[in-house]
């Protein structure tokens, strides 16, 4: 008989849970609530909240709004967003993850303290290891008046100026191993006259999922990784599953499960990203059981 296990370590992280709870509390009171961007990178959870009344907007929409409530999701926002809210008399419900908020403050302090020319009149480089255009990264870059340098992958590190000071930070959901590779490369190339400092700002609630999900993936014949395809964290965790178990499929919901995947399979593991709701993984389990009954 086919055995199905849902990974207990998968599901919403603290930041996402807090943001959704704040939204639900406002909506339960029948209030109109806007959210700047998808509250979580999971289409089905966004649809659930939309049915409750949550209205998702972008920055252009927000510029046209006045006197309303806008929720800022866990990813955080740059200073310009808060200034816009002040000008338009918008009440902000700030659900920025505390880990992200602390990182924003650290980068801003480094930028303010290091913004004056050093030695040979060249500014130090604030470098962020992260995905360009990602909401969290935009919020981090915004702390430096858009002067921070974003590197998306290890290969990008070679583009830095190693004759200038480098202060390295990371998006909270990036790979710890790749971050350390970048550190090693900079340390071996930085000029003797330049300063290099790195700050491990990767969220441990996310980083600790890597070894856990790797272990989970090795225990099953088939892995279904449930995740919105826009989730940066999801891609990292899915690739870790794929590294240890080639029989993995990334799906957004139960409708994507194919019956032929179950042929010759004894155990199925269902797991997901920090943006994956538990109820969605449970729906996938129920869909598998339904497929089995119909085989």
C-alpha atoms as a PDB file:
ATOM      1  CA  UNK A   1       0.000   0.000   0.000  1.00  0.00           C
ATOM      2  CA  UNK A   2       1.311   3.458  -0.956  1.00  0.00           C
ATOM      3  CA  UNK A   3       2.523   5.508   1.996  1.00  0.00           C
ATOM      4  CA  UNK A   4       2.320   9.308   1.934  1.00  0.00           C
ATOM      5  CA  UNK A   5       4.175  11.588   4.349  1.00  0.00           C
ATOM      6  CA  UNK A   6       3.884  15.362   4.652  1.00  0.00           C
ATOM      7  CA  UNK A   7       7.076  17.009   5.874  1.00  0.00           C
ATOM      8  CA  UNK A   8       6.451  18.536   9.310  1.00  0.00           C
ATOM      9  CA  UNK A   9       9.252  21.038   8.746  1.00  0.00           C
ATOM     10  CA  UNK A  10       7.696  22.521   5.614  1.00  0.00           C
ATOM     11  CA  UNK A  11       5.178  25.333   5.509  1.00  0.00           C
ATOM     12  CA  UNK A  12       5.007  28.988   6.388  1.00  0.00           C
ATOM     13  CA  UNK A  13       7.932  30.595   8.169  1.00  0.00           C
ATOM     14  CA  UNK A  14       7.371  32.966  11.081  1.00  0.00           C
ATOM     15  CA  UNK A  15       7.368  36.084   8.901  1.00  0.00           C
ATOM     16  CA  UNK A  16       4.767  34.791   6.462  1.00  0.00           C
ATOM     17  CA  UNK A  17       2.563  33.443   9.274  1.00  0.00           C
ATOM     18  CA  UNK A  18       2.585  36.852  10.964  1.00  0.00           C
ATOM     19  CA  UNK A  19       1.724  38.714   7.747  1.00  0.00           C
ATOM     20  CA  UNK A  20      -1.212  36.425   6.969  1.00  0.00           C
ATOM     21  CA  UNK A  21      -2.483  36.626  10.539  1.00  0.00           C
ATOM     22  CA  UNK A  22      -2.446  40.433  10.399  1.00  0.00           C
ATOM     23  CA  UNK A  23      -4.360  40.361   7.121  1.00  0.00           C
ATOM     24  CA  UNK A  24      -6.939  37.908   8.462  1.00  0.00           C
ATOM     25  CA  UNK A  25      -7.498  40.001  11.595  1.00  0.00           C
ATOM     26  CA  UNK A  26      -8.196  43.145   9.552  1.00  0.00           C
ATOM     27  CA  UNK A  27     -10.429  41.333   7.071  1.00  0.00           C
ATOM     28  CA  UNK A  28     -12.394  39.620   9.871  1.00  0.00           C
ATOM     29  CA  UNK A  29     -13.502  43.085  11.006  1.00  0.00           C
ATOM     30  CA  UNK A  30     -14.932  43.756   7.568  1.00  0.00           C
ATOM     31  CA  UNK A  31     -12.380  46.453   6.779  1.00  0.00           C
ATOM     32  CA  UNK A  32     -11.051  47.234   3.313  1.00  0.00           C
ATOM     33  CA  UNK A  33      -7.425  46.157   3.195  1.00  0.00           C
ATOM     34  CA  UNK A  34      -4.887  46.479   0.414  1.00  0.00           C
ATOM     35  CA  UNK A  35      -1.669  44.469   0.199  1.00  0.00           C
ATOM     36  CA  UNK A  36       1.344  45.828  -1.656  1.00  0.00           C
ATOM     37  CA  UNK A  37       2.308  42.871  -3.836  1.00  0.00           C
ATOM     38  CA  UNK A  38       1.358  39.226  -3.334  1.00  0.00           C
ATOM     39  CA  UNK A  39       1.287  38.614   0.408  1.00  0.00           C
ATOM     40  CA  UNK A  40       3.085  35.314  -0.199  1.00  0.00           C
ATOM     41  CA  UNK A  41       4.562  33.713  -3.305  1.00  0.00           C
ATOM     42  CA  UNK A  42       1.801  31.144  -3.505  1.00  0.00           C
ATOM     43  CA  UNK A  43      -1.076  31.710  -5.889  1.00  0.00           C
ATOM     44  CA  UNK A  44      -3.576  29.509  -4.100  1.00  0.00           C
ATOM     45  CA  UNK A  45      -3.051  31.153  -0.712  1.00  0.00           C
ATOM     46  CA  UNK A  46      -3.337  34.577  -2.363  1.00  0.00           C
ATOM     47  CA  UNK A  47      -6.628  33.469  -3.917  1.00  0.00           C
ATOM     48  CA  UNK A  48      -7.933  32.292  -0.526  1.00  0.00           C
ATOM     49  CA  UNK A  49      -7.237  35.709   0.982  1.00  0.00           C
ATOM     50  CA  UNK A  50      -8.659  37.485  -2.065  1.00  0.00           C
ATOM     51  CA  UNK A  51     -11.957  35.708  -1.436  1.00  0.00           C
ATOM     52  CA  UNK A  52     -11.811  37.067   2.117  1.00  0.00           C
ATOM     53  CA  UNK A  53     -11.504  40.579   0.693  1.00  0.00           C
ATOM     54  CA  UNK A  54      -7.768  41.258   0.442  1.00  0.00           C
ATOM     55  CA  UNK A  55      -6.990  43.529  -2.522  1.00  0.00           C
ATOM     56  CA  UNK A  56      -3.516  43.135  -4.020  1.00  0.00           C
ATOM     57  CA  UNK A  57      -2.001  46.278  -5.518  1.00  0.00           C
ATOM     58  CA  UNK A  58       1.303  47.405  -7.006  1.00  0.00           C
ATOM     59  CA  UNK A  59       3.270  50.590  -6.384  1.00  0.00           C
ATOM     60  CA  UNK A  60       1.522  52.470  -9.194  1.00  0.00           C
ATOM     61  CA  UNK A  61      -1.848  51.605  -7.655  1.00  0.00           C
ATOM     62  CA  UNK A  62      -0.660  52.813  -4.266  1.00  0.00           C
ATOM     63  CA  UNK A  63       0.283  56.214  -5.701  1.00  0.00           C
ATOM     64  CA  UNK A  64      -3.371  56.718  -6.646  1.00  0.00           C
ATOM     65  CA  UNK A  65      -4.755  55.722  -3.232  1.00  0.00           C
ATOM     66  CA  UNK A  66      -5.436  58.067  -0.323  1.00  0.00           C
ATOM     67  CA  UNK A  67      -6.663  57.514   3.220  1.00  0.00           C
ATOM     68  CA  UNK A  68      -6.709  53.711   3.056  1.00  0.00           C
ATOM     69  CA  UNK A  69      -4.980  50.825   4.867  1.00  0.00           C
ATOM     70  CA  UNK A  70      -2.116  49.050   3.116  1.00  0.00           C
ATOM     71  CA  UNK A  71      -0.365  45.963   4.445  1.00  0.00           C
ATOM     72  CA  UNK A  72       3.346  45.586   3.774  1.00  0.00           C
ATOM     73  CA  UNK A  73       4.220  41.909   3.450  1.00  0.00           C
ATOM     74  CA  UNK A  74       7.091  40.064   5.111  1.00  0.00           C
ATOM     75  CA  UNK A  75       9.602  40.903   2.348  1.00  0.00           C
ATOM     76  CA  UNK A  76       9.837  44.532   3.440  1.00  0.00           C
ATOM     77  CA  UNK A  77       9.859  47.781   1.469  1.00  0.00           C
ATOM     78  CA  UNK A  78      12.323  50.604   0.705  1.00  0.00           C
ATOM     79  CA  UNK A  79      12.046  53.989   2.477  1.00  0.00           C
ATOM     80  CA  UNK A  80      10.254  55.522  -0.541  1.00  0.00           C
ATOM     81  CA  UNK A  81       7.187  53.380   0.143  1.00  0.00           C
ATOM     82  CA  UNK A  82       6.819  54.763   3.665  1.00  0.00           C
ATOM     83  CA  UNK A  83       7.266  58.302   2.361  1.00  0.00           C
ATOM     84  CA  UNK A  84       4.536  57.698  -0.240  1.00  0.00           C
ATOM     85  CA  UNK A  85       2.202  56.432   2.483  1.00  0.00           C
ATOM     86  CA  UNK A  86       2.862  59.548   4.554  1.00  0.00           C
ATOM     87  CA  UNK A  87       2.125  61.865   1.620  1.00  0.00           C
ATOM     88  CA  UNK A  88      -1.091  60.031   0.710  1.00  0.00           C
ATOM     89  CA  UNK A  89      -2.335  59.653   4.308  1.00  0.00           C
ATOM     90  CA  UNK A  90      -2.170  55.869   3.979  1.00  0.00           C
ATOM     91  CA  UNK A  91      -2.152  53.816   7.169  1.00  0.00           C
ATOM     92  CA  UNK A  92       0.582  51.203   6.982  1.00  0.00           C
ATOM     93  CA  UNK A  93       0.127  47.792   8.567  1.00  0.00           C
ATOM     94  CA  UNK A  94       3.755  46.731   8.649  1.00  0.00           C
ATOM     95  CA  UNK A  95       4.218  42.961   8.453  1.00  0.00           C
ATOM     96  CA  UNK A  96       7.898  43.140   7.504  1.00  0.00           C
ATOM     97  CA  UNK A  97       9.663  40.065   8.898  1.00  0.00           C
ATOM     98  CA  UNK A  98      11.778  41.026  11.952  1.00  0.00           C
ATOM     99  CA  UNK A  99      14.802  39.315  10.378  1.00  0.00           C
ATOM    100  CA  UNK A 100      14.425  41.398   7.215  1.00  0.00           C
ATOM    101  CA  UNK A 101      13.802  44.572   9.219  1.00  0.00           C
ATOM    102  CA  UNK A 102      17.011  44.079  11.190  1.00  0.00           C
ATOM    103  CA  UNK A 103      18.924  43.501   7.946  1.00  0.00           C
ATOM    104  CA  UNK A 104      17.514  46.709   6.444  1.00  0.00           C
ATOM    105  CA  UNK A 105      18.689  48.662   9.481  1.00  0.00           C
ATOM    106  CA  UNK A 106      22.184  47.178   9.326  1.00  0.00           C
ATOM    107  CA  UNK A 107      22.582  48.009   5.647  1.00  0.00           C
ATOM    108  CA  UNK A 108      21.262  51.538   6.142  1.00  0.00           C
ATOM    109  CA  UNK A 109      23.669  52.118   9.046  1.00  0.00           C
ATOM    110  CA  UNK A 110      26.582  50.849   6.945  1.00  0.00           C
ATOM    111  CA  UNK A 111      25.561  53.076   4.057  1.00  0.00           C
ATOM    112  CA  UNK A 112      25.203  56.168   6.237  1.00  0.00           C
ATOM    113  CA  UNK A 113      28.474  55.556   8.062  1.00  0.00           C
ATOM    114  CA  UNK A 114      30.417  54.600   4.936  1.00  0.00           C
ATOM    115  CA  UNK A 115      28.968  57.052   2.434  1.00  0.00           C
ATOM    116  CA  UNK A 116      31.864  59.492   2.688  1.00  0.00           C
ATOM    117  CA  UNK A 117      34.828  58.939   0.318  1.00  0.00           C
ATOM    118  CA  UNK A 118      37.682  56.938   1.817  1.00  0.00           C
ATOM    119  CA  UNK A 119      41.432  57.129   1.278  1.00  0.00           C
ATOM    120  CA  UNK A 120      41.645  57.612  -2.507  1.00  0.00           C
ATOM    121  CA  UNK A 121      38.205  59.277  -2.760  1.00  0.00           C
ATOM    122  CA  UNK A 122      36.461  56.043  -3.762  1.00  0.00           C
ATOM    123  CA  UNK A 123      33.361  54.878  -1.942  1.00  0.00           C
ATOM    124  CA  UNK A 124      33.134  51.488  -0.313  1.00  0.00           C
ATOM    125  CA  UNK A 125      30.925  48.862  -1.965  1.00  0.00           C
ATOM    126  CA  UNK A 126      27.834  47.516  -0.225  1.00  0.00           C
ATOM    127  CA  UNK A 127      27.157  44.183  -1.885  1.00  0.00           C
ATOM    128  CA  UNK A 128      23.972  42.142  -1.525  1.00  0.00           C
ATOM    129  CA  UNK A 129      23.871  38.487  -2.523  1.00  0.00           C
ATOM    130  CA  UNK A 130      20.295  38.154  -3.731  1.00  0.00           C
ATOM    131  CA  UNK A 131      17.869  37.961  -6.616  1.00  0.00           C
ATOM    132  CA  UNK A 132      17.620  41.168  -8.635  1.00  0.00           C
ATOM    133  CA  UNK A 133      14.100  42.555  -8.623  1.00  0.00           C
ATOM    134  CA  UNK A 134      12.998  40.409  -5.670  1.00  0.00           C
ATOM    135  CA  UNK A 135      10.815  42.359  -3.235  1.00  0.00           C
ATOM    136  CA  UNK A 136      13.164  41.829  -0.298  1.00  0.00           C
ATOM    137  CA  UNK A 137      16.220  42.839  -2.324  1.00  0.00           C
ATOM    138  CA  UNK A 138      14.496  45.997  -3.586  1.00  0.00           C
ATOM    139  CA  UNK A 139      13.837  46.916   0.041  1.00  0.00           C
ATOM    140  CA  UNK A 140      17.481  46.310   0.949  1.00  0.00           C
ATOM    141  CA  UNK A 141      18.876  48.239  -2.014  1.00  0.00           C
ATOM    142  CA  UNK A 142      16.520  51.079  -1.128  1.00  0.00           C
ATOM    143  CA  UNK A 143      18.364  51.570   2.150  1.00  0.00           C
ATOM    144  CA  UNK A 144      21.392  52.719   0.119  1.00  0.00           C
ATOM    145  CA  UNK A 145      19.626  55.112  -2.262  1.00  0.00           C
ATOM    146  CA  UNK A 146      19.912  52.317  -4.866  1.00  0.00           C
ATOM    147  CA  UNK A 147      23.724  52.318  -4.740  1.00  0.00           C
ATOM    148  CA  UNK A 148      24.201  48.777  -3.416  1.00  0.00           C
ATOM    149  CA  UNK A 149      25.551  46.173  -5.831  1.00  0.00           C
ATOM    150  CA  UNK A 150      23.430  43.031  -6.210  1.00  0.00           C
ATOM    151  CA  UNK A 151      25.074  39.744  -7.178  1.00  0.00           C
ATOM    152  CA  UNK A 152      22.709  36.932  -8.061  1.00  0.00           C
ATOM    153  CA  UNK A 153      25.127  34.025  -8.264  1.00  0.00           C
ATOM    154  CA  UNK A 154      28.691  33.044  -7.503  1.00  0.00           C
ATOM    155  CA  UNK A 155      29.945  33.955 -10.987  1.00  0.00           C
ATOM    156  CA  UNK A 156      28.883  37.593 -10.510  1.00  0.00           C
ATOM    157  CA  UNK A 157      31.390  38.155  -7.717  1.00  0.00           C
ATOM    158  CA  UNK A 158      34.242  38.544 -10.216  1.00  0.00           C
ATOM    159  CA  UNK A 159      32.686  41.862 -11.353  1.00  0.00           C
ATOM    160  CA  UNK A 160      33.442  43.574  -8.029  1.00  0.00           C
ATOM    161  CA  UNK A 161      36.245  46.085  -7.619  1.00  0.00           C
ATOM    162  CA  UNK A 162      38.654  44.342  -5.272  1.00  0.00           C
ATOM    163  CA  UNK A 163      40.707  47.492  -4.809  1.00  0.00           C
ATOM    164  CA  UNK A 164      37.795  49.057  -2.888  1.00  0.00           C
ATOM    165  CA  UNK A 165      36.301  48.165   0.487  1.00  0.00           C
ATOM    166  CA  UNK A 166      33.553  45.530   0.298  1.00  0.00           C
ATOM    167  CA  UNK A 167      30.765  44.993   2.813  1.00  0.00           C
ATOM    168  CA  UNK A 168      28.834  41.840   1.942  1.00  0.00           C
ATOM    169  CA  UNK A 169      25.271  41.000   3.026  1.00  0.00           C
ATOM    170  CA  UNK A 170      22.770  38.403   1.864  1.00  0.00           C
ATOM    171  CA  UNK A 171      19.081  38.186   1.109  1.00  0.00           C
ATOM    172  CA  UNK A 172      17.665  36.211   4.037  1.00  0.00           C
ATOM    173  CA  UNK A 173      16.583  33.197   1.963  1.00  0.00           C
ATOM    174  CA  UNK A 174      19.723  32.554  -0.104  1.00  0.00           C
ATOM    175  CA  UNK A 175      21.910  29.447   0.007  1.00  0.00           C
ATOM    176  CA  UNK A 176      24.357  29.433   2.924  1.00  0.00           C
ATOM    177  CA  UNK A 177      26.858  27.304   0.982  1.00  0.00           C
ATOM    178  CA  UNK A 178      26.925  29.660  -1.987  1.00  0.00           C
ATOM    179  CA  UNK A 179      27.256  32.644   0.342  1.00  0.00           C
ATOM    180  CA  UNK A 180      30.362  31.063   1.869  1.00  0.00           C
ATOM    181  CA  UNK A 181      31.795  30.402  -1.617  1.00  0.00           C
ATOM    182  CA  UNK A 182      31.422  34.111  -2.373  1.00  0.00           C
ATOM    183  CA  UNK A 183      33.142  35.020   0.901  1.00  0.00           C
ATOM    184  CA  UNK A 184      36.071  32.713   0.120  1.00  0.00           C
ATOM    185  CA  UNK A 185      36.476  34.201  -3.360  1.00  0.00           C
ATOM    186  CA  UNK A 186      36.461  37.806  -2.117  1.00  0.00           C
ATOM    187  CA  UNK A 187      38.920  36.984   0.670  1.00  0.00           C
ATOM    188  CA  UNK A 188      41.354  35.513  -1.845  1.00  0.00           C
ATOM    189  CA  UNK A 189      41.092  38.478  -4.254  1.00  0.00           C
ATOM    190  CA  UNK A 190      40.670  41.565  -2.058  1.00  0.00           C
ATOM    191  CA  UNK A 191      43.572  44.028  -2.267  1.00  0.00           C
ATOM    192  CA  UNK A 192      45.757  44.346   0.859  1.00  0.00           C
ATOM    193  CA  UNK A 193      44.824  48.029   1.085  1.00  0.00           C
ATOM    194  CA  UNK A 194      41.061  47.334   1.017  1.00  0.00           C
ATOM    195  CA  UNK A 195      38.743  46.209   3.814  1.00  0.00           C
ATOM    196  CA  UNK A 196      36.397  43.238   3.445  1.00  0.00           C
ATOM    197  CA  UNK A 197      33.676  42.368   5.932  1.00  0.00           C
ATOM    198  CA  UNK A 198      30.876  39.857   5.516  1.00  0.00           C
ATOM    199  CA  UNK A 199      27.669  39.624   7.516  1.00  0.00           C
ATOM    200  CA  UNK A 200      25.797  36.332   7.643  1.00  0.00           C
ATOM    201  CA  UNK A 201      22.234  37.600   7.356  1.00  0.00           C
ATOM    202  CA  UNK A 202      20.633  34.387   6.098  1.00  0.00           C
ATOM    203  CA  UNK A 203      17.564  33.413   8.112  1.00  0.00           C
ATOM    204  CA  UNK A 204      18.306  30.272  10.112  1.00  0.00           C
ATOM    205  CA  UNK A 205      14.669  29.226  10.029  1.00  0.00           C
ATOM    206  CA  UNK A 206      15.170  28.925   6.278  1.00  0.00           C
ATOM    207  CA  UNK A 207      18.783  27.735   6.260  1.00  0.00           C
ATOM    208  CA  UNK A 208      18.043  24.952   8.745  1.00  0.00           C
ATOM    209  CA  UNK A 209      15.416  23.592   6.388  1.00  0.00           C
ATOM    210  CA  UNK A 210      18.118  22.614   3.904  1.00  0.00           C
ATOM    211  CA  UNK A 211      19.564  19.639   5.828  1.00  0.00           C
ATOM    212  CA  UNK A 212      16.101  18.692   7.099  1.00  0.00           C
ATOM    213  CA  UNK A 213      14.464  18.671   3.682  1.00  0.00           C
ATOM    214  CA  UNK A 214      17.469  16.847   2.227  1.00  0.00           C
ATOM    215  CA  UNK A 215      17.019  14.084   4.781  1.00  0.00           C
ATOM    216  CA  UNK A 216      13.278  13.978   4.088  1.00  0.00           C
ATOM    217  CA  UNK A 217      13.826  13.667   0.331  1.00  0.00           C
ATOM    218  CA  UNK A 218      16.140  10.686   0.718  1.00  0.00           C
ATOM    219  CA  UNK A 219      13.460   8.699   2.594  1.00  0.00           C
ATOM    220  CA  UNK A 220      10.927   8.539  -0.263  1.00  0.00           C
ATOM    221  CA  UNK A 221      10.667   7.094  -3.756  1.00  0.00           C
ATOM    222  CA  UNK A 222       8.856  10.177  -5.049  1.00  0.00           C
ATOM    223  CA  UNK A 223       8.989  13.777  -3.838  1.00  0.00           C
ATOM    224  CA  UNK A 224       6.283  16.314  -4.615  1.00  0.00           C
ATOM    225  CA  UNK A 225       7.547  19.778  -3.800  1.00  0.00           C
ATOM    226  CA  UNK A 226       4.553  22.102  -3.500  1.00  0.00           C
ATOM    227  CA  UNK A 227       5.497  25.685  -4.201  1.00  0.00           C
ATOM    228  CA  UNK A 228       4.599  28.812  -6.134  1.00  0.00           C
ATOM    229  CA  UNK A 229       6.967  29.138  -9.072  1.00  0.00           C
ATOM    230  CA  UNK A 230       7.815  32.724  -8.097  1.00  0.00           C
ATOM    231  CA  UNK A 231       9.208  31.642  -4.716  1.00  0.00           C
ATOM    232  CA  UNK A 232      12.961  32.276  -4.478  1.00  0.00           C
ATOM    233  CA  UNK A 233      13.200  30.205  -1.307  1.00  0.00           C
ATOM    234  CA  UNK A 234      11.216  27.427  -2.977  1.00  0.00           C
ATOM    235  CA  UNK A 235      13.687  27.127  -5.837  1.00  0.00           C
ATOM    236  CA  UNK A 236      16.577  26.724  -3.399  1.00  0.00           C
ATOM    237  CA  UNK A 237      14.799  24.029  -1.371  1.00  0.00           C
ATOM    238  CA  UNK A 238      13.502  22.200  -4.451  1.00  0.00           C
ATOM    239  CA  UNK A 239      17.015  22.048  -5.919  1.00  0.00           C
ATOM    240  CA  UNK A 240      18.236  20.543  -2.654  1.00  0.00           C
ATOM    241  CA  UNK A 241      15.556  17.842  -2.912  1.00  0.00           C
ATOM    242  CA  UNK A 242      16.534  17.217  -6.519  1.00  0.00           C
ATOM    243  CA  UNK A 243      20.194  16.931  -5.550  1.00  0.00           C
ATOM    244  CA  UNK A 244      19.537  13.931  -3.307  1.00  0.00           C
ATOM    245  CA  UNK A 245      16.521  12.451  -5.128  1.00  0.00           C
ATOM    246  CA  UNK A 246      16.177  12.711  -8.920  1.00  0.00           C
ATOM    247  CA  UNK A 247      12.510  11.673  -8.757  1.00  0.00           C
ATOM    248  CA  UNK A 248      11.200  15.086  -7.666  1.00  0.00           C
ATOM    249  CA  UNK A 249       8.480  17.246  -9.165  1.00  0.00           C
ATOM    250  CA  UNK A 250       7.742  20.895  -8.396  1.00  0.00           C
ATOM    251  CA  UNK A 251       3.991  21.516  -8.442  1.00  0.00           C
ATOM    252  CA  UNK A 252       1.837  24.491  -7.506  1.00  0.00           C
ATOM    253  CA  UNK A 253      -1.181  22.424  -6.511  1.00  0.00           C
ATOM    254  CA  UNK A 254      -2.973  19.071  -6.659  1.00  0.00           C
ATOM    255  CA  UNK A 255      -4.199  19.582 -10.230  1.00  0.00           C
ATOM    256  CA  UNK A 256      -0.642  19.166 -11.524  1.00  0.00           C
ATOM    257  CA  UNK A 257      -0.140  15.680 -10.066  1.00  0.00           C
ATOM    258  CA  UNK A 258       0.111  13.037 -12.813  1.00  0.00           C
ATOM    259  CA  UNK A 259      -1.009   9.477 -12.126  1.00  0.00           C
ATOM    260  CA  UNK A 260       1.945   7.966 -14.021  1.00  0.00           C
ATOM    261  CA  UNK A 261       4.304   9.414 -11.403  1.00  0.00           C
ATOM    262  CA  UNK A 262       2.892   6.848  -8.963  1.00  0.00           C
ATOM    263  CA  UNK A 263       3.794   3.783 -11.045  1.00  0.00           C
ATOM    264  CA  UNK A 264       6.081   1.458  -9.084  1.00  0.00           C
ATOM    265  CA  UNK A 265       6.201   3.847  -6.135  1.00  0.00           C
ATOM    266  CA  UNK A 266       5.930   2.712  -2.508  1.00  0.00           C
ATOM    267  CA  UNK A 267       6.403   6.015  -0.665  1.00  0.00           C
ATOM    268  CA  UNK A 268       5.609   9.626  -1.524  1.00  0.00           C
ATOM    269  CA  UNK A 269       6.985  12.621   0.368  1.00  0.00           C
ATOM    270  CA  UNK A 270       5.174  15.941   0.156  1.00  0.00           C
ATOM    271  CA  UNK A 271       7.080  19.056   1.173  1.00  0.00           C
ATOM    272  CA  UNK A 272       7.248  22.745   0.333  1.00  0.00           C
ATOM    273  CA  UNK A 273       8.707  26.198   0.790  1.00  0.00           C
ATOM    274  CA  UNK A 274       8.349  28.784   3.531  1.00  0.00           C
ATOM    275  CA  UNK A 275       5.527  30.199   1.385  1.00  0.00           C
ATOM    276  CA  UNK A 276       3.603  26.917   1.111  1.00  0.00           C
ATOM    277  CA  UNK A 277       0.489  26.564   3.301  1.00  0.00           C
ATOM    278  CA  UNK A 278      -0.032  23.273   5.105  1.00  0.00           C
ATOM    279  CA  UNK A 279      -3.591  23.037   3.789  1.00  0.00           C
ATOM    280  CA  UNK A 280      -2.250  22.960   0.225  1.00  0.00           C
ATOM    281  CA  UNK A 281       0.111  20.075   0.976  1.00  0.00           C
ATOM    282  CA  UNK A 282      -2.834  18.248   2.557  1.00  0.00           C
ATOM    283  CA  UNK A 283      -4.872  18.795  -0.609  1.00  0.00           C
ATOM    284  CA  UNK A 284      -2.051  17.196  -2.598  1.00  0.00           C
ATOM    285  CA  UNK A 285      -2.076  14.193  -0.270  1.00  0.00           C
ATOM    286  CA  UNK A 286      -5.842  13.843  -0.722  1.00  0.00           C
ATOM    287  CA  UNK A 287      -5.462  14.100  -4.506  1.00  0.00           C
ATOM    288  CA  UNK A 288      -2.951  11.233  -4.496  1.00  0.00           C
ATOM    289  CA  UNK A 289      -5.294   9.088  -2.438  1.00  0.00           C
ATOM    290  CA  UNK A 290      -8.071   9.847  -4.928  1.00  0.00           C
ATOM    291  CA  UNK A 291      -5.863   8.872  -7.853  1.00  0.00           C
ATOM    292  CA  UNK A 292      -4.972   5.599  -6.140  1.00  0.00           C
ATOM    293  CA  UNK A 293      -8.635   4.727  -5.639  1.00  0.00           C
ATOM    294  CA  UNK A 294      -9.308   5.321  -9.316  1.00  0.00           C
ATOM    295  CA  UNK A 295      -6.385   3.304 -10.628  1.00  0.00           C
END
